[in-house]
Amino acid sequence: CLVCGSRGGQVTLPALWLLGCRVPAVVINGGCARQQASWAWPSGVPVVLLTGGRDYFNEHRDALGYDGDERYLAELCAAISGNLG
């Protein structure tokens, strides 16, 4: 099992996936689940994603209103949903 956070989840984990690594991963940030990296997300590989509303990648974190976190999580799920298996 890999445990990644910050740039490890944003850059290193997708690079390992491209090299063929298919071990389960725990990722502490949303970088690997963003639309920009969704092409690298492998089908059928167990990944636990821990992210919060103050995540650096959350472009809605300072949005007025209550739905900023919900929009962010919806975007992450949409980016990887086609690769879940």
Protein backbone atom coordinates (compact mmCIF):
# COMPACT_ATOMS: atom_id res chain seq x y z
CA CYS A 1 0.00 0.00 0.00
CA LEU A 2 1.23 3.49 -0.86
CA VAL A 3 0.55 6.49 1.35
CA CYS A 4 0.88 9.81 -0.47
CA GLY A 5 0.23 13.40 0.42
CA SER A 6 0.70 16.80 -1.12
CA ARG A 7 2.87 16.59 -4.27
CA GLY A 8 3.18 12.83 -3.77
CA GLY A 9 -0.52 12.50 -4.47
CA GLN A 10 -0.60 15.15 -7.16
CA VAL A 11 2.52 14.24 -9.15
CA THR A 12 4.26 11.08 -7.95
CA LEU A 13 1.25 8.78 -7.68
CA PRO A 14 -0.05 9.50 -11.22
CA ALA A 15 3.51 8.97 -12.50
CA LEU A 16 3.66 5.60 -10.75
CA TRP A 17 0.29 4.68 -12.26
CA LEU A 18 1.64 5.52 -15.71
CA LEU A 19 4.58 3.21 -15.04
CA GLY A 20 2.17 0.39 -14.29
CA CYS A 21 2.03 0.48 -10.48
CA ARG A 22 -1.29 -0.99 -9.36
CA VAL A 23 -1.05 -1.24 -5.57
CA PRO A 24 -3.71 0.24 -3.26
CA ALA A 25 -3.08 3.83 -2.16
CA VAL A 26 -4.12 6.25 0.55
CA VAL A 27 -3.93 9.80 -0.76
CA ILE A 28 -4.08 12.87 1.48
CA ASN A 29 -5.12 15.64 -0.93
CA GLY A 30 -7.29 15.91 -4.00
CA GLY A 31 -4.58 16.48 -6.61
CA CYS A 32 -4.70 13.04 -8.22
CA ALA A 33 -8.49 13.17 -8.55
CA ARG A 34 -8.70 16.47 -10.38
CA GLN A 35 -9.83 16.59 -13.99
CA GLN A 36 -6.26 17.43 -15.08
CA ALA A 37 -4.97 14.10 -13.70
CA SER A 38 -8.00 11.89 -14.27
CA TRP A 39 -6.46 10.37 -17.39
CA ALA A 40 -3.88 8.64 -15.17
CA TRP A 41 -6.36 7.13 -12.69
CA PRO A 42 -6.21 3.34 -13.13
CA SER A 43 -9.38 1.29 -13.25
CA GLY A 44 -9.87 -1.21 -10.44
CA VAL A 45 -7.11 0.05 -8.14
CA PRO A 46 -8.29 0.68 -4.56
CA VAL A 47 -7.65 4.30 -3.56
CA VAL A 48 -8.73 6.00 -0.36
CA LEU A 49 -8.88 9.75 -0.92
CA LEU A 50 -8.77 12.07 2.10
CA THR A 51 -9.42 15.67 1.27
CA GLY A 52 -10.94 18.65 2.97
CA GLY A 53 -12.57 21.91 2.14
CA ARG A 54 -9.36 23.84 2.75
CA ASP A 55 -7.48 21.70 0.22
CA TYR A 56 -5.13 23.81 -1.92
CA PHE A 57 -6.75 22.39 -5.05
CA ASN A 58 -10.24 23.45 -3.97
CA GLU A 59 -10.89 26.48 -6.15
CA HIS A 60 -14.17 26.98 -4.29
CA ARG A 61 -12.62 27.13 -0.80
CA ASP A 62 -13.23 30.86 -0.46
CA ALA A 63 -16.57 30.91 -2.27
CA LEU A 64 -19.42 32.68 -0.61
CA GLY A 65 -22.16 30.37 0.53
CA TYR A 66 -22.14 26.91 1.99
CA ASP A 67 -21.73 24.77 -1.12
CA GLY A 68 -18.03 25.37 -1.87
CA ASP A 69 -16.92 22.06 -0.35
CA GLU A 70 -19.80 20.20 -1.94
CA ARG A 71 -18.94 21.56 -5.40
CA TYR A 72 -15.30 20.59 -4.91
CA LEU A 73 -16.14 17.02 -3.90
CA ALA A 74 -18.59 16.76 -6.81
CA GLU A 75 -15.83 17.83 -9.23
CA LEU A 76 -13.42 15.24 -7.80
CA CYS A 77 -15.99 12.47 -8.08
CA ALA A 78 -16.92 13.49 -11.62
CA ALA A 79 -13.26 13.48 -12.70
CA ILE A 80 -12.66 9.88 -11.62
CA SER A 81 -16.11 8.31 -11.96
CA GLY A 82 -15.38 6.89 -15.40
CA ASN A 83 -12.34 5.08 -14.02
CA LEU A 84 -13.95 3.42 -11.05
CA GLY A 85 -14.19 -0.29 -11.48
